[in-house]
Protein backbone atom coordinates (compact mmCIF):
# COMPACT_ATOMS: atom_id res chain seq x y z
CA UNK A 1 -16.10 -17.16 2.01
CA UNK A 2 -17.06 -13.63 1.51
CA UNK A 3 -20.00 -11.23 2.49
CA UNK A 4 -20.88 -8.26 -0.11
CA UNK A 5 -22.91 -5.59 -0.08
CA UNK A 6 -24.67 -3.79 -3.17
CA UNK A 7 -23.26 -0.43 -4.33
CA UNK A 8 -24.32 2.34 -6.59
CA UNK A 9 -22.63 3.71 -9.34
CA UNK A 10 -21.43 6.71 -6.57
CA UNK A 11 -21.28 4.18 -3.62
CA UNK A 12 -18.66 1.49 -3.63
CA UNK A 13 -19.69 -2.29 -2.83
CA UNK A 14 -18.00 -3.51 0.22
CA UNK A 15 -16.77 -6.69 0.81
CA UNK A 16 -15.73 -8.66 3.79
CA UNK A 17 -12.98 -11.43 3.24
CA UNK A 18 -11.51 -14.26 5.12
CA UNK A 19 -7.58 -14.66 4.57
CA UNK A 20 -5.75 -16.67 6.30
CA UNK A 21 -8.82 -17.26 8.92
CA UNK A 22 -9.20 -13.10 9.48
CA UNK A 23 -11.50 -10.78 8.23
CA UNK A 24 -10.62 -8.11 5.61
CA UNK A 25 -12.22 -5.34 4.57
CA UNK A 26 -12.66 -4.44 0.72
CA UNK A 27 -14.26 -2.25 -1.41
CA UNK A 28 -15.46 -2.23 -5.02
CA UNK A 29 -16.32 0.20 -7.61
CA UNK A 30 -16.98 -0.49 -11.53
CA UNK A 31 -18.24 -2.99 -13.77
CA UNK A 32 -18.32 -6.45 -11.87
CA UNK A 33 -17.20 -8.21 -15.07
CA UNK A 34 -14.85 -5.17 -16.02
CA UNK A 35 -10.75 -6.11 -16.13
CA UNK A 36 -9.51 -6.15 -12.50
CA UNK A 37 -7.42 -3.12 -10.51
CA UNK A 38 -6.13 -3.68 -7.11
CA UNK A 39 -4.82 -0.47 -5.41
CA UNK A 40 -2.99 -0.99 -2.00
CA UNK A 41 -2.34 1.47 0.25
CA UNK A 42 0.82 2.14 2.60
CA UNK A 43 1.67 2.64 6.00
CA UNK A 44 -0.86 3.96 8.00
CA UNK A 45 -3.40 4.80 5.60
CA UNK A 46 -6.07 2.74 4.84
CA UNK A 47 -8.44 2.49 1.67
CA UNK A 48 -9.17 6.14 1.53
CA UNK A 49 -6.05 7.14 0.01
CA UNK A 50 -7.49 6.30 -3.28
CA UNK A 51 -10.45 7.73 -2.89
CA UNK A 52 -9.10 10.39 -5.80
CA UNK A 53 -8.16 7.69 -8.50
CA UNK A 54 -11.32 5.22 -7.77
CA UNK A 55 -14.02 7.01 -9.70
CA UNK A 56 -12.36 8.23 -12.83
CA UNK A 57 -10.45 4.54 -12.85
CA UNK A 58 -14.08 2.56 -12.32
CA UNK A 59 -15.51 3.85 -15.19
CA UNK A 60 -13.54 1.23 -17.05
CA UNK A 61 -12.44 -1.01 -14.48
CA UNK A 62 -13.39 -2.94 -11.55
CA UNK A 63 -11.35 -1.32 -8.60
CA UNK A 64 -10.98 -2.68 -5.64
CA UNK A 65 -9.53 -1.24 -2.35
CA UNK A 66 -8.66 -3.61 0.32
CA UNK A 67 -8.02 -2.47 3.85
CA UNK A 68 -5.18 -4.69 4.13
CA UNK A 69 -5.06 -7.35 7.16
CA UNK A 70 -3.90 -5.25 10.33
CA UNK A 71 -5.36 -1.76 8.75
CA UNK A 72 -8.00 0.56 8.55
CA UNK A 73 -11.08 -1.60 9.24
CA UNK A 74 -9.97 -5.33 8.83
CA UNK A 75 -9.32 -7.33 11.79
CA UNK A 76 -5.75 -7.09 13.29
CA UNK A 77 -4.88 -10.57 14.57
CA UNK A 78 -2.09 -10.95 16.98
CA UNK A 79 -2.14 -14.92 16.19
CA UNK A 80 -0.84 -14.20 12.54
CA UNK A 81 2.78 -13.36 11.23
CA UNK A 82 3.54 -10.50 9.01
CA UNK A 83 6.98 -10.73 7.93
CA UNK A 84 7.27 -9.69 4.54
CA UNK A 85 7.36 -12.91 2.95
CA UNK A 86 4.36 -13.87 4.77
CA UNK A 87 2.24 -10.60 3.85
CA UNK A 88 3.59 -11.19 -0.25
CA UNK A 89 2.26 -14.74 0.22
CA UNK A 90 -0.71 -13.30 2.04
CA UNK A 91 -1.51 -11.26 -0.97
CA UNK A 92 -1.94 -14.13 -3.46
CA UNK A 93 -4.33 -15.53 -1.17
CA UNK A 94 -6.16 -12.89 -0.95
CA UNK A 95 -6.34 -12.62 -4.89
CA UNK A 96 -7.73 -16.46 -4.44
CA UNK A 97 -10.97 -14.88 -1.58
CA UNK A 98 -11.12 -12.64 -4.65
CA UNK A 99 -11.54 -15.22 -7.17
CA UNK A 100 -8.92 -13.34 -9.33
CA UNK A 101 -6.80 -15.16 -11.46
CA UNK A 102 -4.76 -11.99 -12.62
CA UNK A 103 -5.14 -8.11 -11.99
CA UNK A 104 -3.88 -4.89 -12.69
CA UNK A 105 -1.75 -4.13 -8.95
CA UNK A 106 -0.98 -0.64 -7.70
CA UNK A 107 0.64 -0.36 -4.50
CA UNK A 108 1.60 2.98 -2.60
CA UNK A 109 4.54 3.41 0.29
CA UNK A 110 3.94 -0.64 2.46
CA UNK A 111 1.82 -1.31 -0.53
CA UNK A 112 4.27 -1.20 -3.30
CA UNK A 113 7.06 -2.73 -1.24
CA UNK A 114 4.62 -5.56 -1.37
CA UNK A 115 3.57 -5.23 -4.65
CA UNK A 116 7.02 -5.71 -6.53
CA UNK A 117 7.28 -8.32 -4.44
CA UNK A 118 4.25 -10.05 -5.70
CA UNK A 119 4.97 -9.15 -9.30
CA UNK A 120 8.46 -10.99 -8.93
CA UNK A 121 7.23 -13.98 -7.24
CA UNK A 122 3.88 -14.33 -9.43
CA UNK A 123 4.31 -12.67 -12.85
CA UNK A 124 1.72 -14.63 -14.29
CA UNK A 125 -0.68 -13.09 -12.09
CA UNK A 126 0.07 -9.30 -12.53
CA UNK A 127 -1.10 -8.01 -15.85
CA UNK A 128 0.34 -4.35 -15.03
CA UNK A 129 2.41 -2.32 -12.11
CA UNK A 130 2.07 0.32 -10.46
CA UNK A 131 4.75 1.70 -7.85
CA UNK A 132 4.06 4.90 -6.23
CA UNK A 133 6.79 6.58 -3.25
CA UNK A 134 7.68 3.34 -1.87
CA UNK A 135 10.57 1.57 -0.23
CA UNK A 136 9.77 -0.93 -2.73
CA UNK A 137 13.92 -2.83 -3.70
CA UNK A 138 15.85 -0.22 -1.08
CA UNK A 139 15.14 1.76 2.40
CA UNK A 140 14.32 4.90 3.59
CA UNK A 141 16.14 8.33 4.10
CA UNK A 142 18.84 7.88 7.08
CA UNK A 143 16.52 9.77 9.66
CA UNK A 144 13.39 7.28 9.14
CA UNK A 145 15.78 4.43 8.64
CA UNK A 146 16.61 4.85 12.29
CA UNK A 147 13.13 5.43 13.43
CA UNK A 148 11.73 2.48 11.85
CA UNK A 149 14.58 0.07 12.71
CA UNK A 150 14.24 1.51 16.59
CA UNK A 151 10.68 0.81 16.02
CA UNK A 152 11.17 -3.21 15.12
CA UNK A 153 14.06 -3.06 18.42
CA UNK A 154 11.34 -1.93 20.96
CA UNK A 155 8.79 -4.55 19.42
CA UNK A 156 11.04 -7.17 19.46
CA UNK A 157 12.54 -6.32 23.03
CA UNK A 158 10.39 -7.71 25.82
CA UNK A 159 11.67 -5.99 28.72
CA UNK A 160 10.39 -2.70 26.41
CA UNK A 161 7.27 -3.30 25.59
CA UNK A 162 5.16 -2.55 28.56
CA UNK A 163 6.61 1.14 28.77
CA UNK A 164 5.91 0.93 24.63
CA UNK A 165 2.39 0.20 24.87
CA UNK A 166 1.68 3.53 26.48
CA UNK A 167 3.36 5.58 23.54
CA UNK A 168 0.94 8.02 22.15
CA UNK A 169 1.27 6.91 18.70
CA UNK A 170 -2.37 8.59 17.13
CA UNK A 171 -0.86 11.65 18.03
CA UNK A 172 2.96 10.95 17.04
CA UNK A 173 1.75 10.16 13.20
CA UNK A 174 -0.72 13.15 13.45
CA UNK A 175 2.17 15.42 14.07
CA UNK A 176 3.49 13.93 10.68
CA UNK A 177 0.50 14.48 8.77
CA UNK A 178 0.33 18.09 10.35
CA UNK A 179 1.30 19.24 6.91
CA UNK A 180 -0.59 17.65 4.78
CA UNK A 181 -3.96 18.74 6.61
CA UNK A 182 -2.81 22.02 6.74
CA UNK A 183 -2.49 22.24 2.97
CA UNK A 184 -5.88 21.13 2.24
CA UNK A 185 -4.84 17.46 1.02
CA UNK A 186 -6.21 15.47 3.98
CA UNK A 187 -9.14 16.60 6.26
CA UNK A 188 -9.32 15.84 10.13
CA UNK A 189 -12.11 13.06 9.27
CA UNK A 190 -9.99 11.00 7.32
CA UNK A 191 -7.03 11.43 9.33
CA UNK A 192 -9.23 10.40 12.05
CA UNK A 193 -9.77 6.84 9.60
CA UNK A 194 -5.98 6.47 9.41
CA UNK A 195 -4.79 7.16 12.80
CA UNK A 196 -7.46 6.84 15.71
CA UNK A 197 -7.45 3.16 15.91
CA UNK A 198 -4.38 3.33 17.36
CA UNK A 199 -5.58 4.95 20.76
CA UNK A 200 -6.92 1.68 21.68
CA UNK A 201 -4.91 -0.81 23.69
CA UNK A 202 -5.82 -3.06 21.28
CA UNK A 203 -4.12 -1.00 18.33
CA UNK A 204 -1.09 -0.71 19.99
CA UNK A 205 -0.64 -3.84 20.92
CA UNK A 206 -1.07 -5.10 17.15
CA UNK A 207 0.83 -2.00 15.93
CA UNK A 208 4.03 -3.25 18.01
CA UNK A 209 3.27 -7.12 16.62
CA UNK A 210 3.39 -5.46 13.25
CA UNK A 211 6.87 -3.86 13.99
CA UNK A 212 8.32 -6.81 15.29
CA UNK A 213 8.24 -8.38 12.14
CA UNK A 214 9.03 -5.63 10.23
CA UNK A 215 12.78 -4.78 8.70
CA UNK A 216 14.20 -2.27 7.73
CA UNK A 217 17.33 -3.11 5.67
CA UNK A 218 16.89 -3.68 1.61
CA UNK A 219 16.19 -6.44 -0.19
CA UNK A 220 18.99 -7.55 -2.29
CA UNK A 221 16.71 -10.36 -3.52
CA UNK A 222 14.58 -7.66 -5.08
CA UNK A 223 17.11 -5.40 -6.35
CA UNK A 224 18.40 -8.58 -8.24
CA UNK A 225 14.48 -9.62 -9.92
CA UNK A 226 14.13 -6.16 -11.27
CA UNK A 227 15.06 -7.04 -14.53
CA UNK A 228 12.77 -9.94 -14.61
CA UNK A 229 9.49 -7.60 -14.24
CA UNK A 230 8.47 -7.36 -17.48
CA UNK A 231 4.98 -6.13 -17.60
CA UNK A 232 4.06 -2.80 -18.09
CA UNK A 233 4.88 -0.38 -15.25
CA UNK A 234 4.22 2.68 -14.04
CA UNK A 235 6.72 4.54 -11.37
CA UNK A 236 5.29 7.39 -9.99
CA UNK A 237 7.29 9.46 -7.20
CA UNK A 238 7.17 13.27 -5.46
CA UNK A 239 10.45 14.38 -5.35
CA UNK A 240 10.07 15.64 -2.02
CA UNK A 241 9.36 12.54 -0.13
CA UNK A 242 11.15 12.89 3.18
CA UNK A 243 10.99 9.51 3.65
CA UNK A 244 12.17 7.65 0.43
CA UNK A 245 14.59 8.98 -2.23
CA UNK A 246 13.78 9.42 -5.75
CA UNK A 247 16.84 7.79 -6.50
CA UNK A 248 14.76 4.80 -5.52
CA UNK A 249 12.18 5.52 -8.41
CA UNK A 250 15.48 6.18 -10.90
CA UNK A 251 16.71 2.83 -10.44
CA UNK A 252 13.21 1.32 -10.99
CA UNK A 253 12.83 3.09 -14.17
CA UNK A 254 16.51 2.30 -15.18
CA UNK A 255 16.17 -1.19 -14.31
CA UNK A 256 12.76 -2.56 -15.18
CA UNK A 257 12.35 -2.84 -18.92
CA UNK A 258 9.03 -1.80 -19.54
CA UNK A 259 8.54 1.21 -17.08
CA UNK A 260 7.63 4.57 -17.26
CA UNK A 261 8.82 7.32 -14.52
CA UNK A 262 6.43 10.42 -13.39
CA UNK A 263 8.05 12.57 -11.07
CA UNK A 264 6.65 15.08 -9.64
CA UNK A 265 8.58 18.17 -8.29
CA UNK A 266 7.03 19.97 -4.87
CA UNK A 267 5.34 16.92 -3.90
CA UNK A 268 6.02 14.52 -1.14
CA UNK A 269 5.26 10.99 0.32
CA UNK A 270 1.59 11.15 -0.33
CA UNK A 271 1.37 11.83 -4.26
CA UNK A 272 -1.97 10.05 -4.66
CA UNK A 273 -3.79 13.26 -2.13
CA UNK A 274 -1.44 15.72 -2.99
CA UNK A 275 -1.31 15.48 -7.12
CA UNK A 276 -4.36 13.44 -7.60
CA UNK A 277 -4.73 14.25 -11.25
CA UNK A 278 -1.40 13.44 -11.86
CA UNK A 279 -1.22 10.26 -10.59
CA UNK A 280 -4.76 9.56 -11.67
CA UNK A 281 -3.44 10.31 -15.26
CA UNK A 282 -0.05 8.01 -14.78
CA UNK A 283 -2.22 4.51 -13.96
CA UNK A 284 -5.02 5.41 -16.87
CA UNK A 285 -1.61 5.83 -19.11
CA UNK A 286 -0.68 2.40 -17.66
CA UNK A 287 -3.77 1.28 -17.88
CA UNK A 288 -3.75 1.93 -21.90
CA UNK A 289 -0.62 -0.18 -22.57
CA UNK A 290 -0.99 -3.58 -23.80
CA UNK A 291 -0.72 -5.93 -20.52
CA UNK A 292 1.43 -8.72 -19.86
CA UNK A 293 0.91 -11.82 -21.81
CA UNK A 294 -1.12 -13.55 -18.63
């Protein structure tokens, strides 16, 4: 069941959808009967990260940007699991709630991680695939591998949780976004949307709940399945990403049969915000290719 509010040509339509009994917030733009495009944000952002891509893509497509369960304006349920396999299966239930059999699927960062697994496990539901600066089948650079591994260990250790619940997560994340704000790619208001919920007791509890289920090592199953991804695929990457090596992108492009690689020099992790025109162009090229047989 979902609730929907009408939009205009300039204002996305908002929907509140139930997935696994929890509320997921979605925004839709473009003709309701057009070919659907589902854009998945990464960690720790929300649907706003696609703000530059939605208007041009929605001229000919029904573009849907959810806040994944737990992030942004969606519900943060502590009783649900957030391990990878559950999250990939949950993506299918999101499509069911949207009454979509198949979509064009694009994901950045964590969203790309989920999108790749979904395309491998449900090839009949993915017309075209885009993966942008994501751990995909691999994992993080060594310093950030250590950070996320340690965060998961702390979240899974009951004796450490009281101290962990007092940490200033929003402030810590705000520092990593500092260069993006100083360069004018991200406004303080958007950073508020991304991070301020972490300043609440509920937000800190959910963040630790999420990391208790998160695992950092590479996914051998996803690597083995790369050659079986036969739908048209776009791999878009900032070469200067401190978190995720461009070697992930080149391996994707070399192994996925129908992949087109776009490497953006002088660009970091947040490609949609740092190089919006180039990212939009790569997605439009993808959408112009004949889709996978559905």
